[in-house]
Amino acid sequence: MSKILILNGPNLNLLGRREPEIYGSANLGDLENLLKEEFPTVEFEFFQTNSEQALIEKLHQAFEDGSDVVLNPAAFTHYSYALRDACAVLTSSGSKLIEVHISNPHSREEFRHNSVISGVATGVIAGFGLRSYVLAVSQLLAN
């Protein structure tokens, strides 16, 4: 059985209530159910935090465990070099990391167009709502 860590950054705890015209009406529980239904043989660990430190610690844990990661860094995408460095440590060890976004950052405000994470990620999937996570997990399982 494969194990995949699903990490969600700041404000995603408000998913389903925050800007539904951008992020939709589904919440993190709906995301968890969707992934468990789509991939019943995969063991998932789900984690959401508004703390940069907690995300970094989870990435360090994934490094130690050799786990693959689906990461929605949310606002940290655009400026967190500390998070980028933790992602780089993970991917340089042979683990895979897919950066995901529910919306398409390139169709939004200009400050959202830059990701400091993308350069060290295995891949990036954005703009497909919660299906972005499904696509990311599919890709991790395909390789």
C-alpha atoms as a PDB file:
ATOM      1  CA  MET A   1       0.000   0.000   0.000  1.00  0.00           C
ATOM      2  CA  SER A   2       1.305   3.446  -0.907  1.00  0.00           C
ATOM      3  CA  LYS A   3       1.407   6.229   1.660  1.00  0.00           C
ATOM      4  CA  ILE A   4       1.044   9.857   0.601  1.00  0.00           C
ATOM      5  CA  LEU A   5       1.134  12.966   2.765  1.00  0.00           C
ATOM      6  CA  ILE A   6      -1.384  15.675   1.800  1.00  0.00           C
ATOM      7  CA  LEU A   7      -0.269  19.047   3.197  1.00  0.00           C
ATOM      8  CA  ASN A   8      -2.427  22.168   3.135  1.00  0.00           C
ATOM      9  CA  GLY A   9      -1.211  25.605   4.134  1.00  0.00           C
ATOM     10  CA  PRO A  10      -2.746  28.759   5.548  1.00  0.00           C
ATOM     11  CA  ASN A  11      -6.421  29.602   5.287  1.00  0.00           C
ATOM     12  CA  LEU A  12      -7.331  26.283   3.690  1.00  0.00           C
ATOM     13  CA  ASN A  13      -9.086  25.387   6.940  1.00  0.00           C
ATOM     14  CA  LEU A  14     -11.714  27.881   5.699  1.00  0.00           C
ATOM     15  CA  LEU A  15     -12.210  26.025   2.421  1.00  0.00           C
ATOM     16  CA  GLY A  16     -15.891  25.905   1.524  1.00  0.00           C
ATOM     17  CA  ARG A  17     -16.597  29.193   3.292  1.00  0.00           C
ATOM     18  CA  ARG A  18     -13.775  31.401   2.029  1.00  0.00           C
ATOM     19  CA  GLU A  19     -14.324  32.962  -1.393  1.00  0.00           C
ATOM     20  CA  PRO A  20     -16.445  30.104  -2.808  1.00  0.00           C
ATOM     21  CA  GLU A  21     -16.482  31.863  -6.186  1.00  0.00           C
ATOM     22  CA  ILE A  22     -12.736  31.097  -6.382  1.00  0.00           C
ATOM     23  CA  TYR A  23     -12.288  27.970  -4.269  1.00  0.00           C
ATOM     24  CA  GLY A  24     -15.702  26.300  -4.516  1.00  0.00           C
ATOM     25  CA  SER A  25     -18.028  25.117  -1.791  1.00  0.00           C
ATOM     26  CA  ALA A  26     -16.245  21.894  -0.787  1.00  0.00           C
ATOM     27  CA  ASN A  27     -14.246  21.770   2.444  1.00  0.00           C
ATOM     28  CA  LEU A  28     -11.163  19.809   3.545  1.00  0.00           C
ATOM     29  CA  GLY A  29     -13.340  16.935   4.766  1.00  0.00           C
ATOM     30  CA  ASP A  30     -14.802  16.685   1.273  1.00  0.00           C
ATOM     31  CA  LEU A  31     -11.265  16.600  -0.138  1.00  0.00           C
ATOM     32  CA  GLU A  32     -10.270  13.791   2.218  1.00  0.00           C
ATOM     33  CA  ASN A  33     -13.370  11.774   1.281  1.00  0.00           C
ATOM     34  CA  LEU A  34     -12.759  12.358  -2.434  1.00  0.00           C
ATOM     35  CA  LEU A  35      -9.191  11.096  -2.268  1.00  0.00           C
ATOM     36  CA  LYS A  36     -10.104   8.075  -0.139  1.00  0.00           C
ATOM     37  CA  GLU A  37     -12.877   7.161  -2.590  1.00  0.00           C
ATOM     38  CA  GLU A  38     -10.706   7.653  -5.695  1.00  0.00           C
ATOM     39  CA  PHE A  39      -7.719   5.783  -4.207  1.00  0.00           C
ATOM     40  CA  PRO A  40      -8.983   3.173  -1.731  1.00  0.00           C
ATOM     41  CA  THR A  41      -5.642   1.324  -1.577  1.00  0.00           C
ATOM     42  CA  VAL A  42      -3.613   4.414  -0.685  1.00  0.00           C
ATOM     43  CA  GLU A  43      -2.857   5.306   2.904  1.00  0.00           C
ATOM     44  CA  PHE A  44      -3.196   9.069   3.252  1.00  0.00           C
ATOM     45  CA  GLU A  45      -2.053  11.361   5.996  1.00  0.00           C
ATOM     46  CA  PHE A  46      -3.860  14.709   5.884  1.00  0.00           C
ATOM     47  CA  PHE A  47      -2.493  17.810   7.571  1.00  0.00           C
ATOM     48  CA  GLN A  48      -3.542  21.459   7.455  1.00  0.00           C
ATOM     49  CA  THR A  49      -1.895  24.299   9.305  1.00  0.00           C
ATOM     50  CA  ASN A  50      -1.666  28.060   9.228  1.00  0.00           C
ATOM     51  CA  SER A  51       1.898  27.755  10.554  1.00  0.00           C
ATOM     52  CA  GLU A  52       4.938  27.843   8.289  1.00  0.00           C
ATOM     53  CA  GLN A  53       6.952  26.057  10.973  1.00  0.00           C
ATOM     54  CA  ALA A  54       4.485  23.171  11.187  1.00  0.00           C
ATOM     55  CA  LEU A  55       4.551  22.679   7.393  1.00  0.00           C
ATOM     56  CA  ILE A  56       8.346  22.607   7.431  1.00  0.00           C
ATOM     57  CA  GLU A  57       8.358  20.061  10.251  1.00  0.00           C
ATOM     58  CA  LYS A  58       5.937  17.838   8.282  1.00  0.00           C
ATOM     59  CA  LEU A  59       8.202  18.059   5.222  1.00  0.00           C
ATOM     60  CA  HIS A  60      11.170  17.072   7.402  1.00  0.00           C
ATOM     61  CA  GLN A  61       9.154  14.111   8.670  1.00  0.00           C
ATOM     62  CA  ALA A  62       8.357  13.109   5.060  1.00  0.00           C
ATOM     63  CA  PHE A  63      12.091  13.360   4.284  1.00  0.00           C
ATOM     64  CA  GLU A  64      12.890  11.030   7.198  1.00  0.00           C
ATOM     65  CA  ASP A  65      10.111   8.602   6.194  1.00  0.00           C
ATOM     66  CA  GLY A  66      10.811   8.729   2.450  1.00  0.00           C
ATOM     67  CA  SER A  67       7.206   9.750   1.801  1.00  0.00           C
ATOM     68  CA  ASP A  68       5.810  11.440  -1.281  1.00  0.00           C
ATOM     69  CA  VAL A  69       3.896  14.675  -0.736  1.00  0.00           C
ATOM     70  CA  VAL A  70       1.072  16.665  -2.300  1.00  0.00           C
ATOM     71  CA  LEU A  71       1.503  20.242  -1.055  1.00  0.00           C
ATOM     72  CA  ASN A  72      -0.823  23.200  -1.356  1.00  0.00           C
ATOM     73  CA  PRO A  73       1.407  25.880   0.145  1.00  0.00           C
ATOM     74  CA  ALA A  74      -1.332  28.522  -0.250  1.00  0.00           C
ATOM     75  CA  ALA A  75       0.019  32.029   0.426  1.00  0.00           C
ATOM     76  CA  PHE A  76       3.444  30.616   1.386  1.00  0.00           C
ATOM     77  CA  THR A  77       3.815  29.756  -2.326  1.00  0.00           C
ATOM     78  CA  HIS A  78       4.887  33.264  -3.139  1.00  0.00           C
ATOM     79  CA  TYR A  79       7.499  34.098  -0.515  1.00  0.00           C
ATOM     80  CA  SER A  80       8.472  31.287   1.852  1.00  0.00           C
ATOM     81  CA  TYR A  81      12.071  30.439   1.107  1.00  0.00           C
ATOM     82  CA  ALA A  82      12.200  28.367   4.284  1.00  0.00           C
ATOM     83  CA  LEU A  83       9.368  26.192   2.953  1.00  0.00           C
ATOM     84  CA  ARG A  84      11.106  26.031  -0.442  1.00  0.00           C
ATOM     85  CA  ASP A  85      14.307  24.800   1.220  1.00  0.00           C
ATOM     86  CA  ALA A  86      12.400  22.063   3.061  1.00  0.00           C
ATOM     87  CA  CYS A  87      10.800  21.009  -0.230  1.00  0.00           C
ATOM     88  CA  ALA A  88      14.227  20.938  -1.885  1.00  0.00           C
ATOM     89  CA  VAL A  89      15.600  18.676   0.845  1.00  0.00           C
ATOM     90  CA  LEU A  90      12.676  16.304   0.287  1.00  0.00           C
ATOM     91  CA  THR A  91      12.918  16.136  -3.504  1.00  0.00           C
ATOM     92  CA  SER A  92      16.712  15.887  -3.535  1.00  0.00           C
ATOM     93  CA  SER A  93      16.364  12.738  -1.426  1.00  0.00           C
ATOM     94  CA  GLY A  94      14.319  11.006  -4.136  1.00  0.00           C
ATOM     95  CA  SER A  95      10.856  11.631  -2.720  1.00  0.00           C
ATOM     96  CA  LYS A  96       8.341  13.304  -5.003  1.00  0.00           C
ATOM     97  CA  LEU A  97       6.491  16.516  -4.234  1.00  0.00           C
ATOM     98  CA  ILE A  98       3.600  17.812  -6.303  1.00  0.00           C
ATOM     99  CA  GLU A  99       2.631  21.456  -5.728  1.00  0.00           C
ATOM    100  CA  VAL A 100      -1.123  21.926  -6.111  1.00  0.00           C
ATOM    101  CA  HIS A 101      -3.464  24.875  -6.217  1.00  0.00           C
ATOM    102  CA  ILE A 102      -7.239  24.790  -6.306  1.00  0.00           C
ATOM    103  CA  SER A 103      -7.454  27.953  -8.382  1.00  0.00           C
ATOM    104  CA  ASN A 104      -5.144  28.994 -11.210  1.00  0.00           C
ATOM    105  CA  PRO A 105      -2.738  31.495  -9.633  1.00  0.00           C
ATOM    106  CA  HIS A 106      -1.779  32.827 -13.073  1.00  0.00           C
ATOM    107  CA  SER A 107      -5.326  34.018 -13.709  1.00  0.00           C
ATOM    108  CA  ARG A 108      -5.407  35.985 -10.463  1.00  0.00           C
ATOM    109  CA  GLU A 109      -3.553  38.952  -8.982  1.00  0.00           C
ATOM    110  CA  GLU A 110      -0.037  39.474 -10.267  1.00  0.00           C
ATOM    111  CA  PHE A 111       1.608  38.751  -6.891  1.00  0.00           C
ATOM    112  CA  ARG A 112       0.216  35.203  -7.134  1.00  0.00           C
ATOM    113  CA  HIS A 113       1.981  34.502 -10.437  1.00  0.00           C
ATOM    114  CA  ASN A 114       5.320  33.657  -8.817  1.00  0.00           C
ATOM    115  CA  SER A 115       5.958  30.446  -6.895  1.00  0.00           C
ATOM    116  CA  VAL A 116       9.178  29.951  -4.980  1.00  0.00           C
ATOM    117  CA  ILE A 117       8.173  26.281  -4.538  1.00  0.00           C
ATOM    118  CA  SER A 118       7.720  25.276  -8.202  1.00  0.00           C
ATOM    119  CA  GLY A 119      11.437  25.218  -8.975  1.00  0.00           C
ATOM    120  CA  VAL A 120      12.077  22.391  -6.523  1.00  0.00           C
ATOM    121  CA  ALA A 121       8.778  20.513  -6.947  1.00  0.00           C
ATOM    122  CA  THR A 122       8.505  17.358  -9.015  1.00  0.00           C
ATOM    123  CA  GLY A 123       5.479  18.911 -10.727  1.00  0.00           C
ATOM    124  CA  VAL A 124       2.771  21.557 -10.417  1.00  0.00           C
ATOM    125  CA  ILE A 125      -0.986  21.163 -10.941  1.00  0.00           C
ATOM    126  CA  ALA A 126      -3.321  24.141 -10.637  1.00  0.00           C
ATOM    127  CA  GLY A 127      -6.749  25.365 -11.557  1.00  0.00           C
ATOM    128  CA  PHE A 128      -8.829  22.192 -11.410  1.00  0.00           C
ATOM    129  CA  GLY A 129     -10.458  22.674  -8.032  1.00  0.00           C
ATOM    130  CA  LEU A 130     -10.196  19.655  -5.750  1.00  0.00           C
ATOM    131  CA  ARG A 131      -9.466  17.573  -8.848  1.00  0.00           C
ATOM    132  CA  SER A 132      -5.975  19.141  -8.742  1.00  0.00           C
ATOM    133  CA  TYR A 133      -5.281  16.828  -5.787  1.00  0.00           C
ATOM    134  CA  VAL A 134      -6.676  13.802  -7.639  1.00  0.00           C
ATOM    135  CA  LEU A 135      -4.419  14.555 -10.599  1.00  0.00           C
ATOM    136  CA  ALA A 136      -1.429  14.960  -8.278  1.00  0.00           C
ATOM    137  CA  VAL A 137      -2.024  11.641  -6.513  1.00  0.00           C
ATOM    138  CA  SER A 138      -2.555   9.914  -9.877  1.00  0.00           C
ATOM    139  CA  GLN A 139       0.808  11.221 -11.028  1.00  0.00           C
ATOM    140  CA  LEU A 140       2.576  10.097  -7.871  1.00  0.00           C
ATOM    141  CA  LEU A 141       1.151   6.609  -8.270  1.00  0.00           C
ATOM    142  CA  ALA A 142       2.070   6.468 -11.974  1.00  0.00           C
ATOM    143  CA  ASN A 143       5.764   6.997 -11.312  1.00  0.00           C
END
